[in-house]
Protein backbone atom coordinates (compact mmCIF):
# COMPACT_ATOMS: atom_id res chain seq x y z
CA MET A 1 -0.56 0.03 0.29
CA ASP A 2 3.12 2.37 0.77
CA PHE A 3 4.77 1.61 -3.23
CA ILE A 4 0.78 2.14 -4.60
CA ARG A 5 1.09 5.89 -2.74
CA ALA A 6 4.38 6.34 -3.85
CA PHE A 7 3.53 5.28 -7.52
CA SER A 8 0.55 7.42 -7.70
CA LEU A 9 2.06 11.02 -6.26
CA LEU A 10 4.85 10.05 -8.81
CA VAL A 11 1.92 10.12 -11.91
CA VAL A 12 0.38 12.86 -10.72
CA VAL A 13 3.44 15.18 -10.59
CA ALA A 14 4.59 13.77 -13.61
CA TRP A 15 1.31 14.29 -15.34
CA HIS A 16 1.23 18.11 -14.22
CA TRP A 17 4.94 18.42 -14.57
CA VAL A 18 4.86 16.64 -18.43
CA PHE A 19 1.35 17.05 -19.75
CA THR A 20 0.24 20.69 -18.50
CA ILE A 21 -0.16 23.17 -21.78
CA ILE A 22 -0.36 26.71 -21.11
CA ILE A 23 -2.37 28.71 -22.95
CA TRP A 24 -1.74 32.45 -22.40
CA ARG A 25 -5.41 34.29 -23.17
CA ASP A 26 -5.96 37.94 -22.31
CA ASP A 27 -7.37 37.12 -19.22
CA GLY A 28 -4.24 34.96 -17.68
CA PRO A 29 -3.12 31.73 -18.60
CA HIS A 30 -5.19 28.80 -18.46
CA ALA A 31 -4.60 25.42 -18.45
CA SER A 32 -4.90 22.60 -20.77
CA ASN A 33 -3.49 18.82 -22.18
CA PRO A 34 -2.60 17.06 -24.93
CA ILE A 35 -5.47 15.03 -24.73
CA GLY A 36 -8.40 17.60 -26.39
CA PHE A 37 -6.02 17.95 -29.28
CA THR A 38 -4.58 14.44 -29.76
CA LYS A 39 -7.44 11.88 -30.82
CA GLY A 40 -7.75 8.12 -28.83
CA LEU A 41 -5.23 9.52 -26.36
CA TRP A 42 -8.13 9.82 -23.35
CA ILE A 43 -7.86 5.92 -22.82
CA PHE A 44 -4.24 6.32 -21.23
CA THR A 45 -6.70 8.03 -18.02
CA TRP A 46 -7.62 4.68 -17.07
CA THR A 47 -4.51 4.05 -15.81
CA LEU A 48 -2.96 7.81 -15.62
CA GLN A 49 -6.00 8.65 -13.63
CA ILE A 50 -4.81 7.51 -9.93
CA MET A 51 -7.09 10.13 -7.57
CA PRO A 52 -9.39 7.22 -6.82
CA MET A 53 -6.32 4.81 -5.32
CA PHE A 54 -5.09 7.64 -3.41
CA PHE A 55 -8.41 7.50 -1.58
CA TYR A 56 -8.38 3.75 -1.66
CA VAL A 57 -4.85 3.52 0.52
CA GLY A 58 -6.31 6.81 2.78
CA GLY A 59 -9.12 4.18 3.54
CA TYR A 60 -7.12 1.65 4.62
CA GLY A 61 -4.73 3.60 6.54
CA HIS A 62 -7.32 5.42 8.42
CA LEU A 63 -8.65 2.74 9.31
CA ARG A 64 -5.31 1.18 10.65
CA SER A 65 -4.65 4.06 12.24
CA TRP A 66 -8.07 3.59 14.21
CA GLU A 67 -7.10 0.64 14.72
CA LYS A 68 -3.75 1.36 16.38
CA ALA A 69 -5.55 4.52 18.37
CA GLN A 70 -8.36 2.22 19.79
CA ALA A 71 -5.03 -0.52 21.25
CA GLU A 72 -3.39 2.72 22.96
CA GLY A 73 -6.57 3.96 24.43
CA ARG A 74 -7.50 6.72 22.35
CA SER A 75 -10.44 8.35 21.35
CA ILE A 76 -11.23 8.89 17.75
CA TRP A 77 -11.90 12.43 17.62
CA GLU A 78 -7.89 12.63 18.74
CA LEU A 79 -6.98 10.43 16.30
CA VAL A 80 -9.14 12.79 13.57
CA GLY A 81 -7.92 15.86 15.19
CA ALA A 82 -4.50 15.12 14.76
CA ARG A 83 -5.01 13.86 10.71
CA ALA A 84 -6.51 17.33 10.68
CA LYS A 85 -4.09 19.06 11.80
CA ARG A 86 -1.35 17.77 10.23
CA LEU A 87 -3.47 18.77 6.65
CA ALA A 88 -5.05 22.01 7.79
CA ILE A 89 -1.43 23.61 8.18
CA PRO A 90 0.72 23.09 5.46
CA ALA A 91 -1.90 23.16 2.87
CA GLY A 92 -3.48 26.76 5.13
CA ALA A 93 -0.02 27.81 5.07
CA LEU A 94 0.78 26.95 1.74
CA LEU A 95 -2.33 28.82 0.26
CA GLY A 96 -1.72 31.78 2.56
CA VAL A 97 1.84 32.40 1.17
CA TRP A 98 0.32 32.37 -2.74
CA ILE A 99 -2.44 34.73 -1.83
CA VAL A 100 0.74 37.06 -0.06
CA ILE A 101 2.47 36.36 -2.95
CA GLY A 102 -0.29 37.42 -5.24
CA ILE A 103 -0.85 40.56 -4.28
CA VAL A 104 2.15 41.71 -4.26
CA LEU A 105 2.29 40.83 -7.79
CA SER A 106 -0.75 42.51 -8.37
CA LEU A 107 0.45 45.74 -6.35
CA THR A 108 3.51 45.56 -8.28
CA LEU A 109 2.80 44.89 -12.05
CA GLY A 110 -0.87 44.68 -12.18
CA GLY A 111 -2.87 42.31 -14.80
CA PRO A 112 -5.50 40.04 -14.41
CA TRP A 113 -3.15 37.04 -15.33
CA VAL A 114 -1.67 36.86 -11.66
CA TRP A 115 -4.55 35.78 -9.75
CA ARG A 116 -4.98 33.33 -12.66
CA ALA A 117 -1.27 32.13 -12.14
CA VAL A 118 -1.93 31.81 -8.38
CA THR A 119 -5.06 29.84 -8.51
CA LEU A 120 -3.05 27.07 -11.05
CA VAL A 121 -0.59 26.81 -8.43
CA VAL A 122 -2.45 26.15 -5.71
CA SER A 123 -5.69 24.32 -7.87
CA PRO A 124 -4.07 20.70 -6.55
CA LEU A 125 -4.67 21.69 -2.91
CA TRP A 126 -8.21 20.37 -3.93
CA PHE A 127 -7.37 17.12 -3.27
CA MET A 128 -5.97 18.13 0.60
CA ALA A 129 -9.22 19.91 0.78
CA VAL A 130 -11.50 16.16 -0.29
CA TYR A 131 -8.67 14.17 1.91
CA LEU A 132 -9.81 16.64 4.56
CA MET A 133 -12.84 16.43 4.37
CA LEU A 134 -12.92 12.37 4.51
CA VAL A 135 -10.69 12.51 7.72
CA LEU A 136 -13.25 14.96 9.29
CA LEU A 137 -16.27 12.22 8.14
CA LEU A 138 -13.66 9.76 9.33
CA PRO A 139 -16.27 8.59 12.51
CA ILE A 140 -19.17 8.22 9.90
CA ALA A 141 -17.71 6.26 8.18
CA LEU A 142 -16.44 4.16 10.45
CA TRP A 143 -20.02 3.31 11.71
CA LEU A 144 -21.14 2.96 8.43
CA HIS A 145 -18.50 0.31 8.08
CA ARG A 146 -19.13 -1.76 11.04
CA ARG A 147 -22.22 -1.46 10.82
CA PHE A 148 -23.51 -2.28 6.93
CA ASP A 149 -20.84 -3.25 5.57
CA THR A 150 -20.75 -3.79 2.01
CA VAL A 151 -23.89 -2.17 1.69
CA ALA A 152 -22.70 0.55 2.43
CA LEU A 153 -20.55 0.69 -0.57
CA VAL A 154 -23.69 -0.50 -2.95
CA VAL A 155 -26.23 2.20 -1.56
CA MET A 156 -23.15 5.35 -1.68
CA ALA A 157 -22.67 3.92 -5.41
CA GLY A 158 -26.89 4.24 -5.59
CA VAL A 159 -26.98 7.61 -5.08
CA ALA A 160 -24.19 8.47 -6.96
CA GLY A 161 -25.74 7.40 -9.91
CA LEU A 162 -29.26 8.74 -9.12
CA ILE A 163 -27.28 11.94 -8.85
CA ASP A 164 -25.95 11.14 -12.22
CA VAL A 165 -29.63 11.05 -13.80
CA ALA A 166 -31.00 13.31 -12.24
CA ARG A 167 -27.77 16.19 -13.30
CA PHE A 168 -27.47 15.19 -16.70
CA ARG A 169 -31.57 13.82 -17.23
CA TYR A 170 -32.72 17.38 -15.67
CA ASP A 171 -29.62 19.58 -15.82
CA TRP A 172 -29.38 19.68 -11.63
CA ASP A 173 -25.92 20.20 -12.24
CA TRP A 174 -25.95 21.77 -8.52
CA LEU A 175 -26.59 17.98 -7.33
CA GLY A 176 -22.89 17.34 -8.36
CA ILE A 177 -21.49 18.71 -5.12
CA PHE A 178 -23.08 15.29 -2.80
CA ASN A 179 -20.81 13.27 -5.33
CA MET A 180 -17.89 15.15 -4.22
CA VAL A 181 -18.53 13.52 -1.25
CA ILE A 182 -20.51 10.26 -2.38
CA ILE A 183 -17.63 9.46 -4.53
CA TRP A 184 -14.89 10.04 -2.92
CA GLY A 185 -16.17 8.99 -0.31
CA LEU A 186 -16.60 5.17 -1.23
CA CYS A 187 -12.93 5.38 -2.64
CA HIS A 188 -11.71 5.71 0.69
CA GLN A 189 -14.52 3.48 2.18
CA PHE A 190 -13.63 1.07 -0.16
CA GLY A 191 -10.22 1.15 1.65
CA PHE A 192 -11.58 -0.27 4.55
CA PHE A 193 -11.77 -3.99 2.92
CA TYR A 194 -8.07 -4.50 1.71
CA GLU A 195 -7.06 -6.53 3.84
CA ARG A 196 -10.48 -8.67 2.65
CA ILE A 197 -9.69 -8.13 -0.62
CA VAL A 198 -5.98 -9.03 -0.04
CA ALA A 199 -7.32 -12.76 1.63
CA ALA A 200 -9.74 -14.10 -1.07
CA ARG A 201 -9.24 -15.92 -3.81
CA ARG A 202 -7.59 -14.71 -6.87
CA THR A 203 -11.27 -14.47 -8.37
CA LEU A 204 -12.33 -11.91 -7.43
CA ASP A 205 -8.80 -9.34 -8.38
CA TRP A 206 -9.62 -10.65 -12.32
CA THR A 207 -13.64 -9.85 -11.39
CA MET A 208 -12.78 -6.30 -10.10
CA LEU A 209 -10.39 -5.67 -13.06
CA PHE A 210 -12.64 -6.92 -16.11
CA GLY A 211 -16.30 -5.47 -13.49
CA GLY A 212 -15.07 -2.19 -13.60
CA GLY A 213 -13.93 -1.96 -16.84
CA PHE A 214 -16.87 -3.52 -18.96
CA ALA A 215 -18.66 -1.28 -16.41
CA LEU A 216 -16.35 2.15 -17.53
CA ALA A 217 -16.70 1.28 -21.23
CA GLY A 218 -20.31 0.61 -20.84
CA LEU A 219 -20.81 4.50 -19.27
CA VAL A 220 -18.17 5.76 -21.70
CA GLY A 221 -19.88 4.14 -24.65
CA SER A 222 -23.76 5.09 -23.44
CA GLY A 223 -22.48 9.36 -24.43
CA LEU A 224 -23.42 10.77 -21.11
CA TYR A 225 -19.86 10.76 -20.00
CA PRO A 226 -16.50 11.73 -21.98
CA GLY A 227 -14.11 8.75 -22.17
CA SER A 228 -11.02 11.22 -20.81
CA MET A 229 -11.00 10.19 -16.84
CA VAL A 230 -9.00 14.12 -16.26
CA GLY A 231 -10.75 17.27 -17.03
CA VAL A 232 -10.86 18.15 -20.87
CA PRO A 233 -11.67 22.06 -21.49
CA GLY A 234 -14.76 22.35 -23.67
CA GLU A 235 -16.14 18.78 -22.36
CA ARG A 236 -17.41 17.73 -19.37
CA SER A 237 -15.25 16.70 -16.60
CA ASN A 238 -15.66 13.04 -14.84
CA MET A 239 -13.53 14.84 -12.28
CA ALA A 240 -14.78 17.58 -11.06
CA PRO A 241 -17.30 16.95 -9.56
CA PRO A 242 -17.10 12.99 -9.91
CA THR A 243 -19.58 10.82 -12.16
CA MET A 244 -20.29 7.04 -11.70
CA CYS A 245 -16.84 7.23 -13.10
CA ILE A 246 -14.77 7.28 -11.28
CA VAL A 247 -16.61 4.53 -9.15
CA ALA A 248 -15.95 1.70 -12.52
CA LEU A 249 -12.26 3.08 -12.72
CA LEU A 250 -11.70 2.64 -8.94
CA PHE A 251 -12.74 -1.32 -9.32
CA LEU A 252 -10.92 -1.66 -12.52
CA GLN A 253 -7.46 0.03 -11.04
CA ALA A 254 -7.90 -2.09 -7.49
CA GLY A 255 -8.19 -4.88 -9.85
CA ILE A 256 -4.83 -4.15 -11.38
CA VAL A 257 -3.53 -3.47 -8.27
CA GLU A 258 -4.19 -7.08 -6.64
CA ILE A 259 -3.18 -8.95 -9.92
CA ILE A 260 0.31 -7.30 -10.08
CA ARG A 261 0.79 -6.97 -6.31
CA PRO A 262 2.69 -10.33 -5.73
CA ALA A 263 5.75 -9.25 -8.35
CA VAL A 264 5.24 -5.70 -6.82
CA SER A 265 5.58 -7.29 -3.19
CA ARG A 266 8.39 -9.54 -4.55
CA ARG A 267 10.32 -6.42 -5.94
CA LEU A 268 9.90 -4.33 -2.75
CA GLU A 269 12.11 -6.75 -0.15
CA ARG A 270 14.48 -5.64 -2.04
CA PRO A 271 16.62 -2.85 -0.68
CA GLY A 272 16.78 -0.58 -3.80
CA TRP A 273 13.38 -1.07 -3.90
CA ALA A 274 12.61 0.19 -0.54
CA THR A 275 14.72 2.22 -0.13
CA VAL A 276 12.99 4.70 -2.74
CA ASN A 277 9.68 3.29 -1.72
CA ASP A 278 10.44 4.54 1.83
CA VAL A 279 11.96 8.19 0.31
CA ILE A 280 8.93 9.20 -1.97
CA ASN A 281 6.48 8.32 0.94
CA ARG A 282 8.39 10.18 3.36
CA PHE A 283 7.99 13.21 1.07
CA SER A 284 5.07 12.44 -0.56
CA LEU A 285 3.30 16.03 1.47
CA PRO A 286 5.68 18.38 0.62
CA LEU A 287 5.92 16.92 -3.00
CA PHE A 288 2.73 16.38 -3.94
CA LEU A 289 2.23 20.18 -2.29
CA PHE A 290 5.12 22.21 -3.80
CA HIS A 291 5.19 20.15 -7.20
CA THR A 292 3.28 23.24 -9.19
CA THR A 293 5.27 26.27 -6.92
CA GLY A 294 8.42 24.41 -8.60
CA MET A 295 6.80 24.02 -12.60
CA ALA A 296 5.44 27.93 -11.68
CA LEU A 297 9.71 28.67 -10.80
CA SER A 298 10.75 26.10 -13.77
CA ARG A 299 8.09 28.17 -16.47
CA ALA A 300 8.35 31.64 -15.06
CA ILE A 301 11.85 31.83 -15.70
CA GLY A 302 11.70 30.01 -19.18
CA TYR A 303 9.84 32.59 -19.89
CA ALA A 304 11.94 35.15 -18.45
CA ILE A 305 15.23 33.52 -21.29
CA ASP A 306 12.81 33.01 -24.30
CA GLY A 307 9.77 35.02 -23.95
CA ASP A 308 6.57 33.33 -26.63
CA ASN A 309 9.12 30.43 -27.93
CA TYR A 310 9.34 29.02 -25.01
CA GLU A 311 6.61 26.59 -25.13
CA SER A 312 3.94 25.27 -27.56
CA THR A 313 0.12 25.99 -27.31
CA ARG A 314 -0.58 22.23 -28.48
CA PRO A 315 1.14 19.13 -29.19
CA THR A 316 3.61 19.07 -31.72
CA LEU A 317 6.12 16.94 -32.74
CA GLY A 318 9.09 18.70 -31.39
CA TRP A 319 6.72 19.33 -28.06
CA TRP A 320 6.71 15.02 -27.84
CA LEU A 321 9.94 14.35 -28.48
CA GLY A 322 10.68 16.76 -25.61
CA ARG A 323 8.24 15.20 -22.46
CA PRO A 324 11.17 12.77 -21.30
CA PHE A 325 13.06 16.14 -20.53
CA ALA A 326 9.92 18.04 -19.17
CA VAL A 327 10.57 17.14 -15.62
CA VAL A 328 13.92 18.64 -15.33
CA GLY A 329 13.74 22.43 -14.80
CA PRO A 330 10.16 22.02 -12.19
CA LEU A 331 11.92 18.90 -10.56
CA LEU A 332 15.33 21.25 -9.52
CA CYS A 333 12.83 23.93 -9.28
CA THR A 334 10.95 22.19 -6.46
CA LEU A 335 13.42 20.42 -4.87
CA PRO A 336 15.45 23.41 -3.28
CA VAL A 337 11.58 25.01 -1.95
CA ILE A 338 11.20 21.11 -0.04
CA TYR A 339 14.06 21.92 1.53
CA LEU A 340 13.64 25.01 2.72
CA PHE A 341 10.22 24.68 3.56
CA GLY A 342 8.87 21.46 3.58
CA ARG A 343 11.60 19.30 5.69
CA LYS A 344 9.29 19.19 9.12
CA TRP A 345 6.25 17.94 6.98
CA ALA A 346 8.69 14.97 5.59
CA LYS A 347 10.63 14.34 9.05
CA ALA A 348 6.24 14.17 10.54
CA ASP A 349 6.13 10.71 8.19
CA LYS A 350 7.39 8.17 11.48
CA PRO A 351 7.93 4.97 10.05
CA ALA A 352 5.29 3.16 12.76
CA GLU A 353 3.45 5.69 10.77
CA ARG A 354 3.18 4.17 7.93
CA VAL A 355 0.65 1.70 6.04
CA ARG A 356 1.53 -2.51 6.81
CA GLU A 357 0.79 -5.32 4.72
CA PRO A 358 -1.67 -7.36 5.75
CA VAL A 359 -0.42 -10.91 6.32
CA THR A 360 -1.70 -13.04 3.54
CA VAL A 361 -3.68 -16.07 4.26
CA GLY A 362 -3.22 -19.44 2.38
CA ALA A 363 -6.79 -18.67 0.60
CA ARG A 364 -4.76 -15.72 -1.63
CA HIS A 365 -3.46 -18.66 -3.45
CA GLN A 366 -5.89 -20.59 -4.71
CA PRO A 367 -6.82 -20.47 -8.59
């Protein structure tokens, strides 16, 4: 589970660094990506949109943390308070700093582009806000898990589907805000079942993969949902707010993860793999918080050096050939920011708090 979290984090960071296209308009910078320009590229988002996995891992981690807190005699509110504080303080500090930067730039440089640029830099904080919401709702989620078990998952998925029907049939788009809670809550709730999934027969892994895959193909094929699992300008989004496609994507990705888990677990026993996994998880919070700051600094340097020729507004052949090197600038600008401002949050990730794998029982190896 630590590896899933680390890998998911790297996918998010790499996606933002490598595939973000900045288009400057009269009101400032707008973010786009190559999916809107390249036919058929949306299919890769079925594996690259890994936010469902983040919340899935978070659910399992919170369950284990609650079990540990109970053993230590701590209440659920102590656990929630500690987790919320750990998320809210660094996220709030980053947001506050960028608001101050925005004010200073507005007073010195002026122009509407300033606040659009600030918004792009802090936009990944939506994930932190949702994760913080799930932490605050943890007592309710644990009660639902104890009281209703798998029925809670079915009901949450059913309600999310009905909300999509109402949105698309009656244009009640305001209902989408409820799916921000229900669908991400479902992904989080599904993590509570991780140990049972690991202990189940291997056929369950393929059931999740094929079930999620066929459901996702059917939803997209209906024409009601876009094929991309990330936002594309000019299209309805499956992420803002999340739709039933994200529920199907959760099961598809959970199936993939469980199918490859034995092979990955064997490799994680090697010292090199284990060290890389540990380092990424240790710095996961500051890396996620500051990677767009580093990207902004890198692009500002690029614009200062080469002006309008620095970046293509659409994916050309030269743009694609340069993608393997697109991580260099943001990485070099992000590392000093983490060193200066993020080290204390990296140190907070103590080994005892990291997610541990459950013991695999014999039934797991049955065909």
